[in-house]
Each structure stands twice: as structure tokens, then as C-alpha cells.
N, C-alpha and C. Protein backbone atom coordinates (compact mmCIF):
# COMPACT_ATOMS: atom_id res chain seq x y z
N UNK A 1 0.82 -1.20 0.00
CA UNK A 1 0.00 0.00 0.00
C UNK A 1 0.86 1.26 0.00
N UNK A 2 1.99 1.24 0.76
CA UNK A 2 2.86 2.41 0.81
C UNK A 2 3.46 2.69 -0.56
N UNK A 3 3.83 1.62 -1.29
CA UNK A 3 4.40 1.81 -2.63
C UNK A 3 3.39 2.42 -3.57
N UNK A 4 2.13 2.06 -3.45
CA UNK A 4 1.08 2.62 -4.30
C UNK A 4 0.94 4.12 -4.06
N UNK A 5 0.97 4.54 -2.81
CA UNK A 5 0.87 5.96 -2.49
C UNK A 5 2.08 6.72 -3.01
N UNK A 6 3.27 6.13 -2.88
CA UNK A 6 4.49 6.76 -3.34
C UNK A 6 4.47 6.91 -4.86
N UNK A 7 4.07 5.86 -5.55
CA UNK A 7 3.98 5.91 -7.01
C UNK A 7 2.95 6.96 -7.43
N UNK A 8 1.83 7.02 -6.75
CA UNK A 8 0.81 8.02 -7.06
C UNK A 8 1.37 9.43 -6.90
N UNK A 9 2.14 9.67 -5.84
CA UNK A 9 2.73 11.00 -5.61
C UNK A 9 3.69 11.37 -6.74
N UNK A 10 4.53 10.41 -7.17
CA UNK A 10 5.46 10.67 -8.26
C UNK A 10 4.72 10.96 -9.56
N UNK A 11 3.70 10.20 -9.84
CA UNK A 11 2.91 10.40 -11.06
C UNK A 11 2.22 11.76 -11.01
N UNK A 12 1.65 12.12 -9.87
CA UNK A 12 0.99 13.41 -9.72
C UNK A 12 1.98 14.55 -9.90
N UNK A 13 3.16 14.44 -9.27
CA UNK A 13 4.17 15.47 -9.40
C UNK A 13 4.61 15.60 -10.86
N UNK A 14 4.83 14.49 -11.54
CA UNK A 14 5.22 14.50 -12.95
C UNK A 14 4.17 15.17 -13.81
N UNK A 15 2.91 14.82 -13.57
CA UNK A 15 1.80 15.42 -14.33
C UNK A 15 1.76 16.93 -14.11
N UNK A 16 1.88 17.37 -12.86
CA UNK A 16 1.83 18.80 -12.56
C UNK A 16 3.02 19.54 -13.16
N UNK A 17 4.19 18.90 -13.18
CA UNK A 17 5.37 19.52 -13.79
C UNK A 17 5.17 19.70 -15.28
N UNK A 18 4.70 18.66 -15.96
CA UNK A 18 4.45 18.75 -17.40
C UNK A 18 3.38 19.81 -17.68
N UNK A 19 2.34 19.83 -16.90
CA UNK A 19 1.28 20.82 -17.07
C UNK A 19 1.82 22.24 -16.88
N UNK A 20 2.66 22.43 -15.88
CA UNK A 20 3.20 23.77 -15.62
C UNK A 20 4.10 24.23 -16.76
N UNK A 21 4.82 23.29 -17.39
CA UNK A 21 5.66 23.66 -18.54
C UNK A 21 4.79 24.16 -19.68
N UNK A 22 3.71 23.45 -19.96
CA UNK A 22 2.82 23.86 -21.04
C UNK A 22 2.11 25.17 -20.74
N UNK A 23 1.88 25.44 -19.48
CA UNK A 23 1.20 26.69 -19.10
C UNK A 23 2.18 27.84 -18.88
N UNK A 24 3.46 27.55 -19.01
CA UNK A 24 4.48 28.60 -18.83
C UNK A 24 4.73 28.95 -17.39
N UNK A 25 4.37 28.08 -16.50
CA UNK A 25 4.53 28.38 -15.07
C UNK A 25 5.71 27.66 -14.45
N UNK A 26 6.57 27.06 -15.27
CA UNK A 26 7.67 26.27 -14.72
C UNK A 26 8.64 27.13 -13.90
N UNK A 27 8.71 28.42 -14.19
CA UNK A 27 9.63 29.30 -13.46
C UNK A 27 9.34 29.33 -11.97
N UNK A 28 8.18 28.91 -11.55
CA UNK A 28 7.87 28.91 -10.12
C UNK A 28 8.70 27.88 -9.38
N UNK A 29 9.29 26.92 -10.10
CA UNK A 29 10.12 25.90 -9.48
C UNK A 29 11.60 26.21 -9.57
N UNK A 30 11.98 27.33 -10.19
CA UNK A 30 13.39 27.61 -10.44
C UNK A 30 14.08 28.17 -9.19
N UNK A 31 15.34 27.79 -9.04
CA UNK A 31 16.15 28.24 -7.92
C UNK A 31 17.49 28.73 -8.44
N UNK A 32 18.07 29.70 -7.77
CA UNK A 32 19.42 30.16 -8.08
C UNK A 32 20.38 29.80 -6.96
N UNK A 33 20.01 28.86 -6.13
CA UNK A 33 20.87 28.40 -5.05
C UNK A 33 20.23 28.54 -3.69
N UNK A 34 20.95 28.04 -2.70
CA UNK A 34 20.50 28.17 -1.32
C UNK A 34 21.71 28.15 -0.40
N UNK A 35 21.54 28.72 0.81
CA UNK A 35 22.63 28.79 1.78
C UNK A 35 22.04 28.94 3.18
N UNK A 36 22.85 28.66 4.19
CA UNK A 36 22.50 28.86 5.60
C UNK A 36 23.46 29.85 6.22
N UNK A 37 22.95 30.70 7.14
CA UNK A 37 23.85 31.58 7.88
C UNK A 37 24.15 30.96 9.25
N UNK A 38 24.86 31.69 10.09
CA UNK A 38 25.26 31.14 11.39
C UNK A 38 24.07 30.95 12.34
N UNK A 39 22.94 31.62 12.07
CA UNK A 39 21.74 31.46 12.89
C UNK A 39 20.81 30.41 12.31
N UNK A 40 21.27 29.68 11.31
CA UNK A 40 20.50 28.62 10.64
C UNK A 40 19.29 29.15 9.88
N UNK A 41 19.35 30.43 9.44
CA UNK A 41 18.33 30.95 8.55
C UNK A 41 18.65 30.44 7.14
N UNK A 42 17.61 30.07 6.41
CA UNK A 42 17.77 29.52 5.06
C UNK A 42 17.58 30.62 4.03
N UNK A 43 18.53 30.75 3.11
CA UNK A 43 18.48 31.72 2.03
C UNK A 43 18.24 30.95 0.73
N UNK A 44 17.12 31.24 0.06
CA UNK A 44 16.75 30.54 -1.17
C UNK A 44 16.75 31.55 -2.31
N UNK A 45 17.62 31.33 -3.29
CA UNK A 45 17.70 32.22 -4.43
C UNK A 45 16.61 31.90 -5.43
N UNK A 46 15.81 32.89 -5.74
CA UNK A 46 14.76 32.78 -6.77
C UNK A 46 15.10 33.75 -7.90
N UNK A 47 14.27 33.79 -8.93
CA UNK A 47 14.54 34.68 -10.06
C UNK A 47 14.63 36.14 -9.65
N UNK A 48 13.72 36.61 -8.82
CA UNK A 48 13.63 38.04 -8.51
C UNK A 48 14.03 38.40 -7.09
N UNK A 49 14.36 37.43 -6.26
CA UNK A 49 14.69 37.75 -4.87
C UNK A 49 15.40 36.58 -4.21
N UNK A 50 16.16 36.90 -3.18
CA UNK A 50 16.67 35.87 -2.28
C UNK A 50 15.72 35.86 -1.10
N UNK A 51 15.01 34.76 -0.93
CA UNK A 51 14.03 34.65 0.15
C UNK A 51 14.72 34.08 1.38
N UNK A 52 14.44 34.68 2.55
CA UNK A 52 15.05 34.26 3.80
C UNK A 52 13.97 33.61 4.66
N UNK A 53 14.25 32.39 5.14
CA UNK A 53 13.28 31.62 5.92
C UNK A 53 13.83 31.30 7.30
N UNK A 54 12.95 31.41 8.28
CA UNK A 54 13.20 30.91 9.62
C UNK A 54 12.21 29.77 9.81
N UNK A 55 12.69 28.55 9.74
CA UNK A 55 11.78 27.41 9.72
C UNK A 55 11.01 27.43 8.42
N UNK A 56 9.70 27.44 8.50
CA UNK A 56 8.87 27.49 7.29
C UNK A 56 8.33 28.89 7.01
N UNK A 57 8.69 29.86 7.85
CA UNK A 57 8.18 31.23 7.69
C UNK A 57 9.16 32.09 6.92
N UNK A 58 8.68 32.71 5.82
CA UNK A 58 9.51 33.64 5.07
C UNK A 58 9.55 34.96 5.83
N UNK A 59 10.76 35.41 6.19
CA UNK A 59 10.89 36.60 7.02
C UNK A 59 11.47 37.80 6.28
N UNK A 60 12.03 37.57 5.07
CA UNK A 60 12.67 38.67 4.37
C UNK A 60 12.88 38.29 2.91
N UNK A 61 12.88 39.29 2.03
CA UNK A 61 13.28 39.13 0.64
C UNK A 61 14.39 40.12 0.36
N UNK A 62 15.46 39.64 -0.26
CA UNK A 62 16.61 40.48 -0.57
C UNK A 62 16.73 40.61 -2.08
N UNK A 63 16.93 41.85 -2.55
CA UNK A 63 17.09 42.12 -3.98
C UNK A 63 18.43 41.56 -4.45
N UNK A 64 18.43 40.69 -5.48
CA UNK A 64 19.69 40.14 -5.95
C UNK A 64 20.50 41.08 -6.85
N UNK A 65 20.07 42.31 -7.03
CA UNK A 65 20.78 43.34 -7.78
C UNK A 65 20.87 43.06 -9.28
N UNK A 66 20.05 42.12 -9.79
CA UNK A 66 20.05 41.81 -11.20
C UNK A 66 18.71 41.20 -11.60
N UNK A 67 18.39 41.30 -12.87
CA UNK A 67 17.19 40.64 -13.38
C UNK A 67 17.57 39.37 -14.15
N UNK A 68 18.85 39.07 -14.18
CA UNK A 68 19.35 37.88 -14.87
C UNK A 68 19.81 36.86 -13.85
N UNK A 69 20.45 35.83 -14.32
CA UNK A 69 20.90 34.78 -13.41
C UNK A 69 22.03 35.28 -12.51
N UNK A 70 22.16 34.64 -11.38
CA UNK A 70 23.18 35.00 -10.41
C UNK A 70 23.51 33.77 -9.58
N UNK A 71 24.63 33.85 -8.89
CA UNK A 71 25.03 32.80 -7.94
C UNK A 71 25.38 33.50 -6.63
N UNK A 72 25.12 32.82 -5.52
CA UNK A 72 25.43 33.44 -4.23
C UNK A 72 25.79 32.40 -3.20
N UNK A 73 26.40 32.86 -2.14
CA UNK A 73 26.67 32.04 -0.97
C UNK A 73 26.64 32.95 0.24
N UNK A 74 26.57 32.36 1.42
CA UNK A 74 26.66 33.12 2.66
C UNK A 74 27.93 32.67 3.37
N UNK A 75 28.82 33.61 3.63
CA UNK A 75 30.06 33.31 4.32
C UNK A 75 30.34 34.42 5.34
N UNK A 76 30.70 34.04 6.54
CA UNK A 76 30.95 34.99 7.63
C UNK A 76 29.80 35.97 7.78
N UNK A 77 28.57 35.45 7.70
CA UNK A 77 27.34 36.25 7.81
C UNK A 77 27.30 37.42 6.84
N UNK A 78 27.83 37.19 5.65
CA UNK A 78 27.76 38.14 4.54
C UNK A 78 27.35 37.36 3.30
N UNK A 79 26.44 37.94 2.51
CA UNK A 79 26.05 37.32 1.25
C UNK A 79 27.04 37.78 0.19
N UNK A 80 27.65 36.83 -0.50
CA UNK A 80 28.53 37.13 -1.63
C UNK A 80 27.77 36.69 -2.87
N UNK A 81 27.45 37.66 -3.72
CA UNK A 81 26.60 37.41 -4.87
C UNK A 81 27.33 37.82 -6.15
N UNK A 82 27.28 36.95 -7.15
CA UNK A 82 27.94 37.22 -8.41
C UNK A 82 26.93 37.26 -9.54
N UNK A 83 27.00 38.33 -10.34
CA UNK A 83 26.20 38.43 -11.56
C UNK A 83 27.17 38.35 -12.74
N UNK A 84 26.69 38.61 -13.93
CA UNK A 84 27.56 38.56 -15.10
C UNK A 84 28.60 39.68 -15.08
N UNK A 85 28.31 40.79 -14.39
CA UNK A 85 29.22 41.93 -14.42
C UNK A 85 29.84 42.31 -13.08
N UNK A 86 29.16 42.02 -11.97
CA UNK A 86 29.62 42.50 -10.68
C UNK A 86 29.62 41.38 -9.64
N UNK A 87 30.43 41.60 -8.60
CA UNK A 87 30.39 40.78 -7.39
C UNK A 87 29.99 41.73 -6.26
N UNK A 88 28.97 41.33 -5.51
CA UNK A 88 28.45 42.14 -4.41
C UNK A 88 28.72 41.45 -3.09
N UNK A 89 29.01 42.25 -2.07
CA UNK A 89 28.95 41.81 -0.69
C UNK A 89 27.73 42.50 -0.09
N UNK A 90 26.82 41.71 0.47
CA UNK A 90 25.55 42.23 0.97
C UNK A 90 25.38 41.75 2.41
N UNK A 91 24.97 42.64 3.31
CA UNK A 91 24.73 42.19 4.68
C UNK A 91 23.44 41.37 4.72
N UNK A 92 23.18 40.72 5.83
CA UNK A 92 22.05 39.80 5.93
C UNK A 92 20.69 40.50 5.95
N UNK A 93 20.68 41.82 5.98
CA UNK A 93 19.43 42.58 5.88
C UNK A 93 19.17 43.04 4.44
N UNK A 94 20.15 42.84 3.54
CA UNK A 94 19.97 43.19 2.15
C UNK A 94 20.68 44.46 1.71
N UNK A 95 21.48 45.07 2.58
CA UNK A 95 22.20 46.29 2.24
C UNK A 95 23.52 45.96 1.55
N UNK A 96 23.78 46.61 0.41
CA UNK A 96 25.02 46.38 -0.32
C UNK A 96 26.17 47.02 0.44
N UNK A 97 27.16 46.20 0.78
CA UNK A 97 28.35 46.68 1.49
C UNK A 97 29.42 47.07 0.49
N UNK A 98 29.58 46.23 -0.54
CA UNK A 98 30.66 46.44 -1.50
C UNK A 98 30.22 45.93 -2.87
N UNK A 99 30.62 46.63 -3.92
CA UNK A 99 30.30 46.24 -5.29
C UNK A 99 31.59 46.34 -6.10
N UNK A 100 31.97 45.24 -6.75
CA UNK A 100 33.21 45.20 -7.52
C UNK A 100 32.89 44.75 -8.94
N UNK A 101 33.37 45.51 -9.92
CA UNK A 101 33.16 45.13 -11.33
C UNK A 101 34.10 43.99 -11.68
N UNK A 102 33.55 42.97 -12.32
CA UNK A 102 34.36 41.84 -12.75
C UNK A 102 35.12 42.22 -14.01
N UNK A 103 36.36 41.88 -14.05
CA UNK A 103 37.17 42.12 -15.25
C UNK A 103 37.18 40.84 -16.06
N UNK A 104 36.68 40.93 -17.26
CA UNK A 104 36.60 39.76 -18.12
C UNK A 104 37.65 39.92 -19.20
N UNK A 105 38.58 38.98 -19.24
CA UNK A 105 39.62 39.03 -20.25
C UNK A 105 39.20 38.22 -21.45
N UNK A 106 39.34 38.81 -22.61
CA UNK A 106 39.04 38.09 -23.84
C UNK A 106 40.30 37.35 -24.28
N UNK A 107 40.11 36.13 -24.70
CA UNK A 107 41.24 35.35 -25.19
C UNK A 107 41.49 35.72 -26.65
N UNK A 108 42.72 36.07 -26.91
CA UNK A 108 43.10 36.44 -28.27
C UNK A 108 43.90 35.29 -28.86
N UNK A 109 43.44 34.76 -30.02
CA UNK A 109 44.20 33.66 -30.63
C UNK A 109 45.59 34.10 -31.04
N UNK A 110 46.55 33.22 -30.85
CA UNK A 110 47.95 33.55 -31.19
C UNK A 110 48.26 33.04 -32.57
């Protein structure tokens, strides 16, 4: 009986995923990463915000400083976030501490 319920859950999840793709709602499942701080708050990167959770309660949204993809981590209670052009240091309340432009070197064929 347990296997039947588990299989049903997988089939239902698969159906809902396929349906969401056809309806254009798949972005609701997208993540840009996750991290924990020293107080065990969970930081979940979404398309438009880094959501901060205490248990199951969302307590804060932090602007990722970009409308495109980004990567982030939490180290020494500071968010380090990288976009295509900049690296940001952001405090845990969402305030930008430091912004550094990334230098991209183009490879020149010899």
C-alpha cells in the first residue's frame, strides 16, 4: 500500500510539472541556489529575490541586484553574490556593502 501511495505521488508530481511547462509556469520551481547563515536561517535564491526563511516562515526578501541569473553564498554572515558583471557583498538585511566590477579578459588567438 505504501508503494502505491508513493507511485501516485510521483505520477501526480510529474503530471503537474508537465502541465506547468505547457502553461508557462515552470519558473515557479526555479532556484538560483540556497545557503544557511550562522543562525541557521535559510536563504533561497529565486529569479527576482533571495528569500530568507526561519523554519517554514519567510521573514525577508533580498534584492539580488540583477534581473538575470546569479550565484550566491553566505560566508561569515555576509552574502557574496555574483552576476555577469559584478560581485556584491551584501549584509544579511539586504544592504550592499561592496560592489566590484568583474574584469573579463578576452582570449586572443595567437
